[in-house]
Amino acid sequence: MGAPNQYDKPTDTTDVILIVGSRKFYLSRQWFTDRVPVLVLMHQDPRMEIWIGCERAGPELFLGFLHCLDRLDVINEDNAIGILRWAERFECKIVLDQIEQFFLNSSQKNATEKLKIAMEYKFLELQRQILNNIKSAEEFWETLPVSLTEQQKIEIARMVHEHSERESGGS
């Protein structure tokens, strides 16, 4: 991941061990629950071990997720989706926001790929940016992901309508 792993060894503040696959991450319960409130680690046993998992996102991507909690700049094209899966798993807005910013400002993915991600993870700012950059009806239809659900199609139609209303001055 490019950043040092301060989670490999216990420290004076370690009171929980999260296990992903066969890898252990030594953390402070307070540090983690302050950042990931959906996972309240209230058990009082010292050095409590918790096994956690996330489909298609293993220990290296969990490490990236932890680095994002520390506000380290580790998101790239290769790990963004895996870190996103961990962020979604823990409903972690801090990391979800960082990943949306990555797709807004740094990602080299094309508009169709970004729109698919934006729709799946409800990244509204990313959706708006993509739709605002579309210049023609032809480009609009080329940008839409083939695999949209009916609900996603309705949401895009609503956003396009709102955008066209703003462009035309609400008439």
C-alpha atoms as a PDB file:
ATOM      1  CA  MET A   1       0.000   0.000   0.000  1.00  0.00           C
ATOM      2  CA  GLY A   2       3.007   2.258   0.227  1.00  0.00           C
ATOM      3  CA  ALA A   3       2.348   3.418   3.795  1.00  0.00           C
ATOM      4  CA  PRO A   4       3.923   1.857   6.885  1.00  0.00           C
ATOM      5  CA  ASN A   5       1.782  -0.656   8.744  1.00  0.00           C
ATOM      6  CA  GLN A   6       1.567   0.507  12.336  1.00  0.00           C
ATOM      7  CA  TYR A   7      -1.110  -2.142  12.907  1.00  0.00           C
ATOM      8  CA  ASP A   8       1.200  -5.213  12.665  1.00  0.00           C
ATOM      9  CA  LYS A   9       2.315  -5.207  16.302  1.00  0.00           C
ATOM     10  CA  PRO A  10       0.557  -4.495  19.575  1.00  0.00           C
ATOM     11  CA  THR A  11       1.193  -1.178  21.296  1.00  0.00           C
ATOM     12  CA  ASP A  12       0.348   0.221  24.727  1.00  0.00           C
ATOM     13  CA  THR A  13      -3.083   1.247  23.409  1.00  0.00           C
ATOM     14  CA  THR A  14      -3.942  -2.065  21.704  1.00  0.00           C
ATOM     15  CA  ASP A  15      -7.067  -3.574  23.198  1.00  0.00           C
ATOM     16  CA  VAL A  16      -8.660  -5.233  20.180  1.00  0.00           C
ATOM     17  CA  ILE A  17      -7.304  -7.423  17.409  1.00  0.00           C
ATOM     18  CA  LEU A  18      -9.209  -7.504  14.137  1.00  0.00           C
ATOM     19  CA  ILE A  19      -8.468 -10.583  12.056  1.00  0.00           C
ATOM     20  CA  VAL A  20      -8.970 -10.471   8.294  1.00  0.00           C
ATOM     21  CA  GLY A  21      -8.159 -13.722   6.560  1.00  0.00           C
ATOM     22  CA  SER A  22      -5.061 -14.905   8.394  1.00  0.00           C
ATOM     23  CA  ARG A  23      -3.742 -11.404   9.156  1.00  0.00           C
ATOM     24  CA  LYS A  24      -4.070  -9.672  12.520  1.00  0.00           C
ATOM     25  CA  PHE A  25      -4.480  -5.914  12.931  1.00  0.00           C
ATOM     26  CA  TYR A  26      -3.744  -4.545  16.417  1.00  0.00           C
ATOM     27  CA  LEU A  27      -5.898  -1.520  17.186  1.00  0.00           C
ATOM     28  CA  SER A  28      -7.196   0.709  19.899  1.00  0.00           C
ATOM     29  CA  ARG A  29     -10.887   0.034  20.405  1.00  0.00           C
ATOM     30  CA  GLN A  30     -11.490   3.749  21.043  1.00  0.00           C
ATOM     31  CA  TRP A  31      -9.585   4.837  17.908  1.00  0.00           C
ATOM     32  CA  PHE A  32     -11.522   2.413  15.714  1.00  0.00           C
ATOM     33  CA  THR A  33     -15.017   3.035  17.111  1.00  0.00           C
ATOM     34  CA  ASP A  34     -14.483   6.814  16.954  1.00  0.00           C
ATOM     35  CA  ARG A  35     -13.989   6.450  13.196  1.00  0.00           C
ATOM     36  CA  VAL A  36     -16.290   3.495  12.492  1.00  0.00           C
ATOM     37  CA  PRO A  37     -19.285   3.999  14.800  1.00  0.00           C
ATOM     38  CA  VAL A  38     -21.306   1.187  13.223  1.00  0.00           C
ATOM     39  CA  LEU A  39     -18.915  -1.341  14.806  1.00  0.00           C
ATOM     40  CA  VAL A  40     -19.081  -0.664  18.513  1.00  0.00           C
ATOM     41  CA  LEU A  41     -16.397  -2.699  20.256  1.00  0.00           C
ATOM     42  CA  MET A  42     -17.738  -2.634  23.791  1.00  0.00           C
ATOM     43  CA  HIS A  43     -16.434  -5.980  25.037  1.00  0.00           C
ATOM     44  CA  GLN A  44     -14.003  -5.379  27.892  1.00  0.00           C
ATOM     45  CA  ASP A  45     -11.704  -8.416  27.546  1.00  0.00           C
ATOM     46  CA  PRO A  46      -8.122  -7.298  27.013  1.00  0.00           C
ATOM     47  CA  ARG A  47      -6.775  -8.112  23.575  1.00  0.00           C
ATOM     48  CA  MET A  48     -10.186  -9.194  22.316  1.00  0.00           C
ATOM     49  CA  GLU A  49      -9.991 -10.859  18.890  1.00  0.00           C
ATOM     50  CA  ILE A  50     -12.693 -10.322  16.261  1.00  0.00           C
ATOM     51  CA  TRP A  51     -12.763 -12.062  12.905  1.00  0.00           C
ATOM     52  CA  ILE A  52     -14.173  -9.873  10.176  1.00  0.00           C
ATOM     53  CA  GLY A  53     -14.593 -10.370   6.477  1.00  0.00           C
ATOM     54  CA  CYS A  54     -15.702  -8.589   3.362  1.00  0.00           C
ATOM     55  CA  GLU A  55     -16.517 -10.238   0.069  1.00  0.00           C
ATOM     56  CA  ARG A  56     -13.725  -9.762  -2.500  1.00  0.00           C
ATOM     57  CA  ALA A  57     -11.702  -7.464  -0.239  1.00  0.00           C
ATOM     58  CA  GLY A  58      -8.935  -9.079   1.767  1.00  0.00           C
ATOM     59  CA  PRO A  59      -6.321  -8.012   4.312  1.00  0.00           C
ATOM     60  CA  GLU A  60      -4.302  -5.690   2.041  1.00  0.00           C
ATOM     61  CA  LEU A  61      -7.440  -3.745   1.162  1.00  0.00           C
ATOM     62  CA  PHE A  62      -8.451  -3.655   4.836  1.00  0.00           C
ATOM     63  CA  LEU A  63      -5.029  -2.133   5.537  1.00  0.00           C
ATOM     64  CA  GLY A  64      -5.802   0.493   2.880  1.00  0.00           C
ATOM     65  CA  PHE A  65      -9.133   1.138   4.628  1.00  0.00           C
ATOM     66  CA  LEU A  66      -7.299   1.649   7.958  1.00  0.00           C
ATOM     67  CA  HIS A  67      -4.857   4.037   6.286  1.00  0.00           C
ATOM     68  CA  CYS A  68      -7.821   6.016   4.925  1.00  0.00           C
ATOM     69  CA  LEU A  69      -9.156   6.256   8.488  1.00  0.00           C
ATOM     70  CA  ASP A  70      -5.786   7.813   9.338  1.00  0.00           C
ATOM     71  CA  ARG A  71      -6.307  10.205   6.386  1.00  0.00           C
ATOM     72  CA  LEU A  72      -3.322   8.827   4.493  1.00  0.00           C
ATOM     73  CA  ASP A  73      -3.455   9.237   0.725  1.00  0.00           C
ATOM     74  CA  VAL A  74      -3.421   5.589  -0.379  1.00  0.00           C
ATOM     75  CA  ILE A  75      -6.387   5.305  -2.767  1.00  0.00           C
ATOM     76  CA  ASN A  76      -5.491   4.430  -6.358  1.00  0.00           C
ATOM     77  CA  GLU A  77      -7.055   2.719  -9.381  1.00  0.00           C
ATOM     78  CA  ASP A  78      -5.977  -0.725  -8.156  1.00  0.00           C
ATOM     79  CA  ASN A  79      -7.383  -0.556  -4.627  1.00  0.00           C
ATOM     80  CA  ALA A  80     -10.255   1.952  -4.752  1.00  0.00           C
ATOM     81  CA  ILE A  81     -13.056  -0.588  -5.206  1.00  0.00           C
ATOM     82  CA  GLY A  82     -11.694  -2.930  -2.522  1.00  0.00           C
ATOM     83  CA  ILE A  83     -11.322  -0.114   0.000  1.00  0.00           C
ATOM     84  CA  LEU A  84     -14.787   1.048  -1.024  1.00  0.00           C
ATOM     85  CA  ARG A  85     -16.162  -2.396  -0.147  1.00  0.00           C
ATOM     86  CA  TRP A  86     -14.682  -2.140   3.355  1.00  0.00           C
ATOM     87  CA  ALA A  87     -16.021   1.406   3.755  1.00  0.00           C
ATOM     88  CA  GLU A  88     -19.479   0.256   2.698  1.00  0.00           C
ATOM     89  CA  ARG A  89     -19.278  -2.784   4.980  1.00  0.00           C
ATOM     90  CA  PHE A  90     -18.699  -0.485   7.970  1.00  0.00           C
ATOM     91  CA  GLU A  91     -20.893   2.390   6.702  1.00  0.00           C
ATOM     92  CA  CYS A  92     -17.829   4.605   7.086  1.00  0.00           C
ATOM     93  CA  LYS A  93     -18.637   8.041   5.683  1.00  0.00           C
ATOM     94  CA  ILE A  94     -15.076   9.346   6.201  1.00  0.00           C
ATOM     95  CA  VAL A  95     -13.665   6.778   3.775  1.00  0.00           C
ATOM     96  CA  LEU A  96     -16.664   6.812   1.416  1.00  0.00           C
ATOM     97  CA  ASP A  97     -16.140  10.572   0.993  1.00  0.00           C
ATOM     98  CA  GLN A  98     -12.424  10.080   0.296  1.00  0.00           C
ATOM     99  CA  ILE A  99     -13.183   7.493  -2.366  1.00  0.00           C
ATOM    100  CA  GLU A 100     -15.808   9.670  -4.026  1.00  0.00           C
ATOM    101  CA  GLN A 101     -13.247  12.487  -4.135  1.00  0.00           C
ATOM    102  CA  PHE A 102     -10.758  10.101  -5.740  1.00  0.00           C
ATOM    103  CA  PHE A 103     -13.252   9.274  -8.502  1.00  0.00           C
ATOM    104  CA  LEU A 104     -14.108  12.962  -8.912  1.00  0.00           C
ATOM    105  CA  ASN A 105     -10.544  14.237  -9.109  1.00  0.00           C
ATOM    106  CA  SER A 106      -7.983  11.514  -9.800  1.00  0.00           C
ATOM    107  CA  SER A 107      -9.458   8.385 -11.334  1.00  0.00           C
ATOM    108  CA  GLN A 108      -8.740   7.681 -14.981  1.00  0.00           C
ATOM    109  CA  LYS A 109     -11.827   5.461 -15.371  1.00  0.00           C
ATOM    110  CA  ASN A 110     -14.158   6.441 -18.175  1.00  0.00           C
ATOM    111  CA  ALA A 111     -17.506   8.130 -17.532  1.00  0.00           C
ATOM    112  CA  THR A 112     -19.472   4.886 -17.940  1.00  0.00           C
ATOM    113  CA  GLU A 113     -17.404   3.079 -15.298  1.00  0.00           C
ATOM    114  CA  LYS A 114     -17.595   6.055 -12.944  1.00  0.00           C
ATOM    115  CA  LEU A 115     -21.350   6.389 -13.414  1.00  0.00           C
ATOM    116  CA  LYS A 116     -21.840   2.713 -12.619  1.00  0.00           C
ATOM    117  CA  ILE A 117     -19.835   3.144  -9.390  1.00  0.00           C
ATOM    118  CA  ALA A 118     -21.648   6.391  -8.578  1.00  0.00           C
ATOM    119  CA  MET A 119     -25.034   4.721  -8.984  1.00  0.00           C
ATOM    120  CA  GLU A 120     -24.090   1.593  -7.020  1.00  0.00           C
ATOM    121  CA  TYR A 121     -22.622   3.499  -4.063  1.00  0.00           C
ATOM    122  CA  LYS A 122     -24.933   6.531  -4.264  1.00  0.00           C
ATOM    123  CA  PHE A 123     -22.151   9.051  -4.901  1.00  0.00           C
ATOM    124  CA  LEU A 124     -24.401  11.985  -5.773  1.00  0.00           C
ATOM    125  CA  GLU A 125     -21.633  14.513  -6.431  1.00  0.00           C
ATOM    126  CA  LEU A 126     -19.936  12.084  -8.837  1.00  0.00           C
ATOM    127  CA  GLN A 127     -23.270  11.418 -10.582  1.00  0.00           C
ATOM    128  CA  ARG A 128     -23.828  15.164 -11.017  1.00  0.00           C
ATOM    129  CA  GLN A 129     -20.320  15.758 -12.348  1.00  0.00           C
ATOM    130  CA  ILE A 130     -20.659  13.011 -14.953  1.00  0.00           C
ATOM    131  CA  LEU A 131     -24.098  14.147 -16.088  1.00  0.00           C
ATOM    132  CA  ASN A 132     -23.006  17.802 -16.185  1.00  0.00           C
ATOM    133  CA  ASN A 133     -20.105  16.915 -18.474  1.00  0.00           C
ATOM    134  CA  ILE A 134     -22.327  15.197 -21.050  1.00  0.00           C
ATOM    135  CA  LYS A 135     -22.731  17.453 -24.081  1.00  0.00           C
ATOM    136  CA  SER A 136     -25.234  15.598 -26.276  1.00  0.00           C
ATOM    137  CA  ALA A 137     -28.018  13.026 -26.210  1.00  0.00           C
ATOM    138  CA  GLU A 138     -25.767  10.632 -28.122  1.00  0.00           C
ATOM    139  CA  GLU A 139     -23.013  10.987 -25.520  1.00  0.00           C
ATOM    140  CA  PHE A 140     -25.622  10.514 -22.773  1.00  0.00           C
ATOM    141  CA  TRP A 141     -26.755   7.146 -24.168  1.00  0.00           C
ATOM    142  CA  GLU A 142     -23.154   6.044 -24.736  1.00  0.00           C
ATOM    143  CA  THR A 143     -22.299   6.867 -21.121  1.00  0.00           C
ATOM    144  CA  LEU A 144     -25.105   4.912 -19.461  1.00  0.00           C
ATOM    145  CA  PRO A 145     -23.979   1.542 -18.082  1.00  0.00           C
ATOM    146  CA  VAL A 146     -25.812  -1.355 -19.711  1.00  0.00           C
ATOM    147  CA  SER A 147     -26.516  -3.050 -16.376  1.00  0.00           C
ATOM    148  CA  LEU A 148     -28.644  -0.328 -14.753  1.00  0.00           C
ATOM    149  CA  THR A 149     -31.607  -1.417 -12.651  1.00  0.00           C
ATOM    150  CA  GLU A 150     -35.012   0.136 -13.262  1.00  0.00           C
ATOM    151  CA  GLN A 151     -34.600   2.197 -10.086  1.00  0.00           C
ATOM    152  CA  GLN A 152     -31.232   3.508 -11.304  1.00  0.00           C
ATOM    153  CA  LYS A 153     -32.740   4.439 -14.679  1.00  0.00           C
ATOM    154  CA  ILE A 154     -35.489   6.375 -12.892  1.00  0.00           C
ATOM    155  CA  GLU A 155     -32.880   8.133 -10.722  1.00  0.00           C
ATOM    156  CA  ILE A 156     -30.803   9.131 -13.762  1.00  0.00           C
ATOM    157  CA  ALA A 157     -33.886  10.368 -15.599  1.00  0.00           C
ATOM    158  CA  ARG A 158     -34.774  12.493 -12.555  1.00  0.00           C
ATOM    159  CA  MET A 159     -31.246  13.936 -12.379  1.00  0.00           C
ATOM    160  CA  VAL A 160     -31.178  14.683 -16.120  1.00  0.00           C
ATOM    161  CA  HIS A 161     -34.561  16.396 -15.838  1.00  0.00           C
ATOM    162  CA  GLU A 162     -33.345  18.513 -12.896  1.00  0.00           C
ATOM    163  CA  HIS A 163     -30.171  19.394 -14.812  1.00  0.00           C
ATOM    164  CA  SER A 164     -32.098  20.421 -17.929  1.00  0.00           C
ATOM    165  CA  GLU A 165     -34.465  22.514 -15.775  1.00  0.00           C
ATOM    166  CA  ARG A 166     -31.480  24.376 -14.286  1.00  0.00           C
ATOM    167  CA  GLU A 167     -29.878  24.835 -17.715  1.00  0.00           C
ATOM    168  CA  SER A 168     -33.065  26.272 -19.202  1.00  0.00           C
ATOM    169  CA  GLY A 169     -33.687  28.541 -16.239  1.00  0.00           C
ATOM    170  CA  GLY A 170     -36.563  26.488 -14.815  1.00  0.00           C
ATOM    171  CA  SER A 171     -38.989  27.093 -17.652  1.00  0.00           C
END
